[in-house]
Amino acid sequence: MKNKDATSYWKKNLRYLGILLTIWFAVSFGAGILFKEALDAFHIGGFPVGFWFAQQGSIYVFVLLIFVYVRLMNKLDKEHNYYND
């Protein structure tokens, strides 16, 4: 029973990691490099959006994803009774 629970825990953890890393890749590589030209038509604070994502936006998204991951893992830990009070 415990081995099955651990397998379920890690599968869900890897799914979370895959989703969050895909989002980070899409923002950092997609918005900062692939779609830079299209995003440069818009401006944030006087700077083109493509440039902003390449310089700062992907970092902000990465930090936000860290907090999302912590929250998801705390929830998963409680769900599988792997937490300390």
PDB file of N, CA and C in Angstrom:
ATOM      1  N   MET A   1       0.828  -1.201   0.000  1.00  0.00           N
ATOM      2  CA  MET A   1       0.000   0.000   0.000  1.00  0.00           C
ATOM      3  C   MET A   1       0.860   1.248   0.000  1.00  0.00           C
ATOM      4  N   LYS A   2       1.924   1.245   0.808  1.00  0.00           N
ATOM      5  CA  LYS A   2       2.774   2.425   0.906  1.00  0.00           C
ATOM      6  C   LYS A   2       3.523   2.677  -0.399  1.00  0.00           C
ATOM      7  N   ASN A   3       3.963   1.612  -1.065  1.00  0.00           N
ATOM      8  CA  ASN A   3       4.681   1.754  -2.327  1.00  0.00           C
ATOM      9  C   ASN A   3       3.771   2.344  -3.403  1.00  0.00           C
ATOM     10  N   LYS A   4       2.514   1.930  -3.420  1.00  0.00           N
ATOM     11  CA  LYS A   4       1.555   2.458  -4.387  1.00  0.00           C
ATOM     12  C   LYS A   4       1.302   3.944  -4.134  1.00  0.00           C
ATOM     13  N   ASP A   5       1.235   4.326  -2.859  1.00  0.00           N
ATOM     14  CA  ASP A   5       1.030   5.727  -2.493  1.00  0.00           C
ATOM     15  C   ASP A   5       2.234   6.577  -2.912  1.00  0.00           C
ATOM     16  N   ALA A   6       3.437   6.038  -2.711  1.00  0.00           N
ATOM     17  CA  ALA A   6       4.652   6.765  -3.097  1.00  0.00           C
ATOM     18  C   ALA A   6       4.725   6.925  -4.618  1.00  0.00           C
ATOM     19  N   THR A   7       4.333   5.905  -5.343  1.00  0.00           N
ATOM     20  CA  THR A   7       4.329   5.984  -6.809  1.00  0.00           C
ATOM     21  C   THR A   7       3.340   7.038  -7.289  1.00  0.00           C
ATOM     22  N   SER A   8       2.172   7.061  -6.684  1.00  0.00           N
ATOM     23  CA  SER A   8       1.160   8.070  -7.025  1.00  0.00           C
ATOM     24  C   SER A   8       1.670   9.478  -6.727  1.00  0.00           C
ATOM     25  N   TYR A   9       2.327   9.623  -5.590  1.00  0.00           N
ATOM     26  CA  TYR A   9       2.891  10.916  -5.182  1.00  0.00           C
ATOM     27  C   TYR A   9       3.896  11.424  -6.218  1.00  0.00           C
ATOM     28  N   TRP A  10       4.829  10.560  -6.629  1.00  0.00           N
ATOM     29  CA  TRP A  10       5.870  10.995  -7.560  1.00  0.00           C
ATOM     30  C   TRP A  10       5.333  11.229  -8.963  1.00  0.00           C
ATOM     31  N   LYS A  11       4.341  10.443  -9.371  1.00  0.00           N
ATOM     32  CA  LYS A  11       3.738  10.696 -10.686  1.00  0.00           C
ATOM     33  C   LYS A  11       3.098  12.076 -10.733  1.00  0.00           C
ATOM     34  N   LYS A  12       2.386  12.420  -9.657  1.00  0.00           N
ATOM     35  CA  LYS A  12       1.744  13.736  -9.609  1.00  0.00           C
ATOM     36  C   LYS A  12       2.796  14.844  -9.526  1.00  0.00           C
ATOM     37  N   ASN A  13       3.857  14.623  -8.763  1.00  0.00           N
ATOM     38  CA  ASN A  13       4.944  15.589  -8.655  1.00  0.00           C
ATOM     39  C   ASN A  13       5.590  15.826 -10.023  1.00  0.00           C
ATOM     40  N   LEU A  14       5.874  14.754 -10.753  1.00  0.00           N
ATOM     41  CA  LEU A  14       6.479  14.896 -12.081  1.00  0.00           C
ATOM     42  C   LEU A  14       5.533  15.580 -13.061  1.00  0.00           C
ATOM     43  N   ARG A  15       4.239  15.342 -12.918  1.00  0.00           N
ATOM     44  CA  ARG A  15       3.262  16.021 -13.774  1.00  0.00           C
ATOM     45  C   ARG A  15       3.282  17.531 -13.502  1.00  0.00           C
ATOM     46  N   TYR A  16       3.314  17.900 -12.204  1.00  0.00           N
ATOM     47  CA  TYR A  16       3.414  19.324 -11.846  1.00  0.00           C
ATOM     48  C   TYR A  16       4.681  19.939 -12.440  1.00  0.00           C
ATOM     49  N   LEU A  17       5.808  19.246 -12.273  1.00  0.00           N
ATOM     50  CA  LEU A  17       7.075  19.767 -12.812  1.00  0.00           C
ATOM     51  C   LEU A  17       7.004  19.940 -14.322  1.00  0.00           C
ATOM     52  N   GLY A  18       6.459  18.960 -15.016  1.00  0.00           N
ATOM     53  CA  GLY A  18       6.345  19.041 -16.477  1.00  0.00           C
ATOM     54  C   GLY A  18       5.505  20.221 -16.927  1.00  0.00           C
ATOM     55  N   ILE A  19       4.381  20.425 -16.270  1.00  0.00           N
ATOM     56  CA  ILE A  19       3.494  21.534 -16.630  1.00  0.00           C
ATOM     57  C   ILE A  19       4.164  22.880 -16.357  1.00  0.00           C
ATOM     58  N   LEU A  20       4.760  23.018 -15.177  1.00  0.00           N
ATOM     59  CA  LEU A  20       5.376  24.298 -14.808  1.00  0.00           C
ATOM     60  C   LEU A  20       6.604  24.601 -15.666  1.00  0.00           C
ATOM     61  N   LEU A  21       7.403  23.593 -15.972  1.00  0.00           N
ATOM     62  CA  LEU A  21       8.569  23.823 -16.835  1.00  0.00           C
ATOM     63  C   LEU A  21       8.152  24.140 -18.272  1.00  0.00           C
ATOM     64  N   THR A  22       7.049  23.563 -18.714  1.00  0.00           N
ATOM     65  CA  THR A  22       6.532  23.891 -20.048  1.00  0.00           C
ATOM     66  C   THR A  22       6.086  25.347 -20.105  1.00  0.00           C
ATOM     67  N   ILE A  23       5.415  25.798 -19.052  1.00  0.00           N
ATOM     68  CA  ILE A  23       5.005  27.207 -18.986  1.00  0.00           C
ATOM     69  C   ILE A  23       6.229  28.106 -19.005  1.00  0.00           C
ATOM     70  N   TRP A  24       7.242  27.771 -18.205  1.00  0.00           N
ATOM     71  CA  TRP A  24       8.448  28.592 -18.155  1.00  0.00           C
ATOM     72  C   TRP A  24       9.151  28.613 -19.513  1.00  0.00           C
ATOM     73  N   PHE A  25       9.226  27.462 -20.179  1.00  0.00           N
ATOM     74  CA  PHE A  25       9.847  27.397 -21.500  1.00  0.00           C
ATOM     75  C   PHE A  25       9.080  28.265 -22.493  1.00  0.00           C
ATOM     76  N   ALA A  26       7.756  28.154 -22.466  1.00  0.00           N
ATOM     77  CA  ALA A  26       6.935  28.935 -23.399  1.00  0.00           C
ATOM     78  C   ALA A  26       7.136  30.429 -23.191  1.00  0.00           C
ATOM     79  N   VAL A  27       7.243  30.845 -21.938  1.00  0.00           N
ATOM     80  CA  VAL A  27       7.409  32.268 -21.652  1.00  0.00           C
ATOM     81  C   VAL A  27       8.830  32.726 -21.986  1.00  0.00           C
ATOM     82  N   SER A  28       9.824  31.986 -21.536  1.00  0.00           N
ATOM     83  CA  SER A  28      11.205  32.449 -21.725  1.00  0.00           C
ATOM     84  C   SER A  28      11.665  32.295 -23.176  1.00  0.00           C
ATOM     85  N   PHE A  29      11.454  31.126 -23.765  1.00  0.00           N
ATOM     86  CA  PHE A  29      11.925  30.906 -25.125  1.00  0.00           C
ATOM     87  C   PHE A  29      10.920  31.419 -26.151  1.00  0.00           C
ATOM     88  N   GLY A  30       9.636  31.120 -25.904  1.00  0.00           N
ATOM     89  CA  GLY A  30       8.609  31.531 -26.863  1.00  0.00           C
ATOM     90  C   GLY A  30       8.424  33.028 -26.925  1.00  0.00           C
ATOM     91  N   ALA A  31       8.125  33.645 -25.770  1.00  0.00           N
ATOM     92  CA  ALA A  31       7.852  35.083 -25.759  1.00  0.00           C
ATOM     93  C   ALA A  31       9.125  35.896 -25.939  1.00  0.00           C
ATOM     94  N   GLY A  32      10.242  35.418 -25.421  1.00  0.00           N
ATOM     95  CA  GLY A  32      11.482  36.189 -25.494  1.00  0.00           C
ATOM     96  C   GLY A  32      12.239  36.033 -26.793  1.00  0.00           C
ATOM     97  N   ILE A  33      12.035  34.908 -27.511  1.00  0.00           N
ATOM     98  CA  ILE A  33      12.817  34.654 -28.719  1.00  0.00           C
ATOM     99  C   ILE A  33      11.925  34.407 -29.935  1.00  0.00           C
ATOM    100  N   LEU A  34      11.071  33.391 -29.876  1.00  0.00           N
ATOM    101  CA  LEU A  34      10.288  33.003 -31.044  1.00  0.00           C
ATOM    102  C   LEU A  34       9.272  34.058 -31.470  1.00  0.00           C
ATOM    103  N   PHE A  35       8.554  34.619 -30.505  1.00  0.00           N
ATOM    104  CA  PHE A  35       7.495  35.575 -30.824  1.00  0.00           C
ATOM    105  C   PHE A  35       7.898  37.005 -30.515  1.00  0.00           C
ATOM    106  N   LYS A  36       9.195  37.260 -30.420  1.00  0.00           N
ATOM    107  CA  LYS A  36       9.701  38.582 -30.070  1.00  0.00           C
ATOM    108  C   LYS A  36       9.230  39.650 -31.052  1.00  0.00           C
ATOM    109  N   GLU A  37       9.334  39.363 -32.317  1.00  0.00           N
ATOM    110  CA  GLU A  37       8.964  40.351 -33.341  1.00  0.00           C
ATOM    111  C   GLU A  37       7.480  40.727 -33.239  1.00  0.00           C
ATOM    112  N   ALA A  38       6.626  39.752 -33.049  1.00  0.00           N
ATOM    113  CA  ALA A  38       5.188  40.033 -32.944  1.00  0.00           C
ATOM    114  C   ALA A  38       4.879  40.794 -31.659  1.00  0.00           C
ATOM    115  N   LEU A  39       5.567  40.457 -30.558  1.00  0.00           N
ATOM    116  CA  LEU A  39       5.316  41.123 -29.282  1.00  0.00           C
ATOM    117  C   LEU A  39       5.901  42.531 -29.224  1.00  0.00           C
ATOM    118  N   ASP A  40       6.885  42.794 -30.052  1.00  0.00           N
ATOM    119  CA  ASP A  40       7.496  44.130 -30.057  1.00  0.00           C
ATOM    120  C   ASP A  40       6.549  45.221 -30.558  1.00  0.00           C
ATOM    121  N   ALA A  41       5.419  44.821 -31.120  1.00  0.00           N
ATOM    122  CA  ALA A  41       4.425  45.805 -31.549  1.00  0.00           C
ATOM    123  C   ALA A  41       3.755  46.470 -30.347  1.00  0.00           C
ATOM    124  N   PHE A  42       3.844  45.840 -29.181  1.00  0.00           N
ATOM    125  CA  PHE A  42       3.261  46.362 -27.949  1.00  0.00           C
ATOM    126  C   PHE A  42       4.372  46.846 -27.034  1.00  0.00           C
ATOM    127  N   HIS A  43       4.043  47.765 -26.128  1.00  0.00           N
ATOM    128  CA  HIS A  43       5.055  48.329 -25.231  1.00  0.00           C
ATOM    129  C   HIS A  43       4.608  48.274 -23.775  1.00  0.00           C
ATOM    130  N   ILE A  44       5.564  48.036 -22.894  1.00  0.00           N
ATOM    131  CA  ILE A  44       5.357  48.086 -21.437  1.00  0.00           C
ATOM    132  C   ILE A  44       6.391  49.062 -20.889  1.00  0.00           C
ATOM    133  N   GLY A  45       5.943  50.126 -20.300  1.00  0.00           N
ATOM    134  CA  GLY A  45       6.870  51.097 -19.719  1.00  0.00           C
ATOM    135  C   GLY A  45       7.834  51.687 -20.735  1.00  0.00           C
ATOM    136  N   GLY A  46       7.410  51.820 -21.972  1.00  0.00           N
ATOM    137  CA  GLY A  46       8.258  52.394 -23.002  1.00  0.00           C
ATOM    138  C   GLY A  46       9.156  51.385 -23.704  1.00  0.00           C
ATOM    139  N   PHE A  47       9.139  50.127 -23.278  1.00  0.00           N
ATOM    140  CA  PHE A  47       9.977  49.098 -23.894  1.00  0.00           C
ATOM    141  C   PHE A  47       9.112  48.105 -24.648  1.00  0.00           C
ATOM    142  N   PRO A  48       9.618  47.576 -25.762  1.00  0.00           N
ATOM    143  CA  PRO A  48       8.865  46.555 -26.500  1.00  0.00           C
ATOM    144  C   PRO A  48       8.624  45.323 -25.622  1.00  0.00           C
ATOM    145  N   VAL A  49       7.460  44.706 -25.742  1.00  0.00           N
ATOM    146  CA  VAL A  49       7.101  43.563 -24.899  1.00  0.00           C
ATOM    147  C   VAL A  49       8.039  42.371 -25.127  1.00  0.00           C
ATOM    148  N   GLY A  50       8.449  42.134 -26.352  1.00  0.00           N
ATOM    149  CA  GLY A  50       9.387  41.036 -26.632  1.00  0.00           C
ATOM    150  C   GLY A  50      10.702  41.233 -25.904  1.00  0.00           C
ATOM    151  N   PHE A  51      11.220  42.452 -25.925  1.00  0.00           N
ATOM    152  CA  PHE A  51      12.448  42.770 -25.187  1.00  0.00           C
ATOM    153  C   PHE A  51      12.228  42.614 -23.687  1.00  0.00           C
ATOM    154  N   TRP A  52      11.068  43.075 -23.195  1.00  0.00           N
ATOM    155  CA  TRP A  52      10.768  42.987 -21.769  1.00  0.00           C
ATOM    156  C   TRP A  52      10.740  41.537 -21.305  1.00  0.00           C
ATOM    157  N   PHE A  53      10.079  40.658 -22.082  1.00  0.00           N
ATOM    158  CA  PHE A  53      10.037  39.245 -21.702  1.00  0.00           C
ATOM    159  C   PHE A  53      11.423  38.624 -21.719  1.00  0.00           C
ATOM    160  N   ALA A  54      12.243  38.980 -22.699  1.00  0.00           N
ATOM    161  CA  ALA A  54      13.588  38.418 -22.769  1.00  0.00           C
ATOM    162  C   ALA A  54      14.440  38.875 -21.595  1.00  0.00           C
ATOM    163  N   GLN A  55      14.244  40.098 -21.114  1.00  0.00           N
ATOM    164  CA  GLN A  55      15.081  40.640 -20.057  1.00  0.00           C
ATOM    165  C   GLN A  55      14.530  40.425 -18.654  1.00  0.00           C
ATOM    166  N   GLN A  56      13.241  40.613 -18.447  1.00  0.00           N
ATOM    167  CA  GLN A  56      12.680  40.565 -17.107  1.00  0.00           C
ATOM    168  C   GLN A  56      11.475  39.656 -16.969  1.00  0.00           C
ATOM    169  N   GLY A  57      10.642  39.598 -17.950  1.00  0.00           N
ATOM    170  CA  GLY A  57       9.389  38.858 -17.855  1.00  0.00           C
ATOM    171  C   GLY A  57       9.571  37.397 -17.523  1.00  0.00           C
ATOM    172  N   SER A  58      10.542  36.746 -18.163  1.00  0.00           N
ATOM    173  CA  SER A  58      10.742  35.324 -17.888  1.00  0.00           C
ATOM    174  C   SER A  58      11.232  35.097 -16.465  1.00  0.00           C
ATOM    175  N   ILE A  59      11.993  36.037 -15.915  1.00  0.00           N
ATOM    176  CA  ILE A  59      12.458  35.921 -14.530  1.00  0.00           C
ATOM    177  C   ILE A  59      11.276  36.058 -13.575  1.00  0.00           C
ATOM    178  N   TYR A  60      10.395  37.019 -13.812  1.00  0.00           N
ATOM    179  CA  TYR A  60       9.214  37.185 -12.973  1.00  0.00           C
ATOM    180  C   TYR A  60       8.326  35.940 -13.019  1.00  0.00           C
ATOM    181  N   VAL A  61       8.143  35.402 -14.215  1.00  0.00           N
ATOM    182  CA  VAL A  61       7.320  34.202 -14.352  1.00  0.00           C
ATOM    183  C   VAL A  61       7.978  33.028 -13.618  1.00  0.00           C
ATOM    184  N   PHE A  62       9.296  32.899 -13.713  1.00  0.00           N
ATOM    185  CA  PHE A  62      10.004  31.826 -13.019  1.00  0.00           C
ATOM    186  C   PHE A  62       9.804  31.922 -11.504  1.00  0.00           C
ATOM    187  N   VAL A  63       9.939  33.106 -10.942  1.00  0.00           N
ATOM    188  CA  VAL A  63       9.749  33.288  -9.498  1.00  0.00           C
ATOM    189  C   VAL A  63       8.302  32.973  -9.123  1.00  0.00           C
ATOM    190  N   LEU A  64       7.351  33.413  -9.925  1.00  0.00           N
ATOM    191  CA  LEU A  64       5.948  33.095  -9.675  1.00  0.00           C
ATOM    192  C   LEU A  64       5.715  31.585  -9.713  1.00  0.00           C
ATOM    193  N   LEU A  65       6.335  30.900 -10.665  1.00  0.00           N
ATOM    194  CA  LEU A  65       6.181  29.452 -10.770  1.00  0.00           C
ATOM    195  C   LEU A  65       6.782  28.727  -9.573  1.00  0.00           C
ATOM    196  N   ILE A  66       7.817  29.286  -8.972  1.00  0.00           N
ATOM    197  CA  ILE A  66       8.374  28.694  -7.748  1.00  0.00           C
ATOM    198  C   ILE A  66       7.329  28.713  -6.647  1.00  0.00           C
ATOM    199  N   PHE A  67       6.656  29.835  -6.474  1.00  0.00           N
ATOM    200  CA  PHE A  67       5.621  29.932  -5.446  1.00  0.00           C
ATOM    201  C   PHE A  67       4.443  29.002  -5.750  1.00  0.00           C
ATOM    202  N   VAL A  68       4.078  28.885  -7.014  1.00  0.00           N
ATOM    203  CA  VAL A  68       2.999  27.969  -7.405  1.00  0.00           C
ATOM    204  C   VAL A  68       3.416  26.530  -7.093  1.00  0.00           C
ATOM    205  N   TYR A  69       4.661  26.179  -7.390  1.00  0.00           N
ATOM    206  CA  TYR A  69       5.152  24.829  -7.121  1.00  0.00           C
ATOM    207  C   TYR A  69       5.139  24.524  -5.626  1.00  0.00           C
ATOM    208  N   VAL A  70       5.572  25.482  -4.811  1.00  0.00           N
ATOM    209  CA  VAL A  70       5.567  25.281  -3.356  1.00  0.00           C
ATOM    210  C   VAL A  70       4.145  25.034  -2.872  1.00  0.00           C
ATOM    211  N   ARG A  71       3.214  25.816  -3.352  1.00  0.00           N
ATOM    212  CA  ARG A  71       1.820  25.651  -2.934  1.00  0.00           C
ATOM    213  C   ARG A  71       1.262  24.296  -3.370  1.00  0.00           C
ATOM    214  N   LEU A  72       1.541  23.913  -4.613  1.00  0.00           N
ATOM    215  CA  LEU A  72       1.074  22.616  -5.106  1.00  0.00           C
ATOM    216  C   LEU A  72       1.687  21.459  -4.320  1.00  0.00           C
ATOM    217  N   MET A  73       2.974  21.568  -3.997  1.00  0.00           N
ATOM    218  CA  MET A  73       3.642  20.492  -3.271  1.00  0.00           C
ATOM    219  C   MET A  73       3.166  20.422  -1.822  1.00  0.00           C
ATOM    220  N   ASN A  74       2.890  21.547  -1.189  1.00  0.00           N
ATOM    221  CA  ASN A  74       2.338  21.519   0.164  1.00  0.00           C
ATOM    222  C   ASN A  74       0.980  20.816   0.170  1.00  0.00           C
ATOM    223  N   LYS A  75       0.168  21.109  -0.831  1.00  0.00           N
ATOM    224  CA  LYS A  75      -1.135  20.461  -0.962  1.00  0.00           C
ATOM    225  C   LYS A  75      -0.965  18.958  -1.200  1.00  0.00           C
ATOM    226  N   LEU A  76      -0.024  18.593  -2.066  1.00  0.00           N
ATOM    227  CA  LEU A  76       0.226  17.184  -2.360  1.00  0.00           C
ATOM    228  C   LEU A  76       0.779  16.450  -1.136  1.00  0.00           C
ATOM    229  N   ASP A  77       1.657  17.099  -0.399  1.00  0.00           N
ATOM    230  CA  ASP A  77       2.199  16.498   0.824  1.00  0.00           C
ATOM    231  C   ASP A  77       1.088  16.203   1.832  1.00  0.00           C
ATOM    232  N   LYS A  78       0.179  17.128   2.005  1.00  0.00           N
ATOM    233  CA  LYS A  78      -0.933  16.916   2.933  1.00  0.00           C
ATOM    234  C   LYS A  78      -1.858  15.809   2.430  1.00  0.00           C
ATOM    235  N   GLU A  79      -2.064  15.784   1.133  1.00  0.00           N
ATOM    236  CA  GLU A  79      -2.933  14.773   0.534  1.00  0.00           C
ATOM    237  C   GLU A  79      -2.381  13.364   0.768  1.00  0.00           C
ATOM    238  N   HIS A  80      -1.052  13.219   0.751  1.00  0.00           N
ATOM    239  CA  HIS A  80      -0.408  11.912   0.910  1.00  0.00           C
ATOM    240  C   HIS A  80       0.204  11.730   2.303  1.00  0.00           C
ATOM    241  N   ASN A  81      -0.116  12.613   3.223  1.00  0.00           N
ATOM    242  CA  ASN A  81       0.376  12.543   4.610  1.00  0.00           C
ATOM    243  C   ASN A  81       1.901  12.554   4.702  1.00  0.00           C
ATOM    244  N   TYR A  82       2.541  13.390   3.880  1.00  0.00           N
ATOM    245  CA  TYR A  82       3.998  13.577   3.928  1.00  0.00           C
ATOM    246  C   TYR A  82       4.322  14.978   4.415  1.00  0.00           C
ATOM    247  N   TYR A  83       3.757  15.414   5.484  1.00  0.00           N
ATOM    248  CA  TYR A  83       3.990  16.770   5.958  1.00  0.00           C
ATOM    249  C   TYR A  83       4.281  16.772   7.456  1.00  0.00           C
ATOM    250  N   ASN A  84       4.956  17.830   7.895  1.00  0.00           N
ATOM    251  CA  ASN A  84       5.239  18.046   9.306  1.00  0.00           C
ATOM    252  C   ASN A  84       4.431  19.242   9.772  1.00  0.00           C
ATOM    253  N   ASP A  85       3.846  19.120  10.952  1.00  0.00           N
ATOM    254  CA  ASP A  85       3.063  20.249  11.489  1.00  0.00           C
ATOM    255  C   ASP A  85       3.937  21.315  12.001  1.00  0.00           C
TER     256      ASP A  85
END
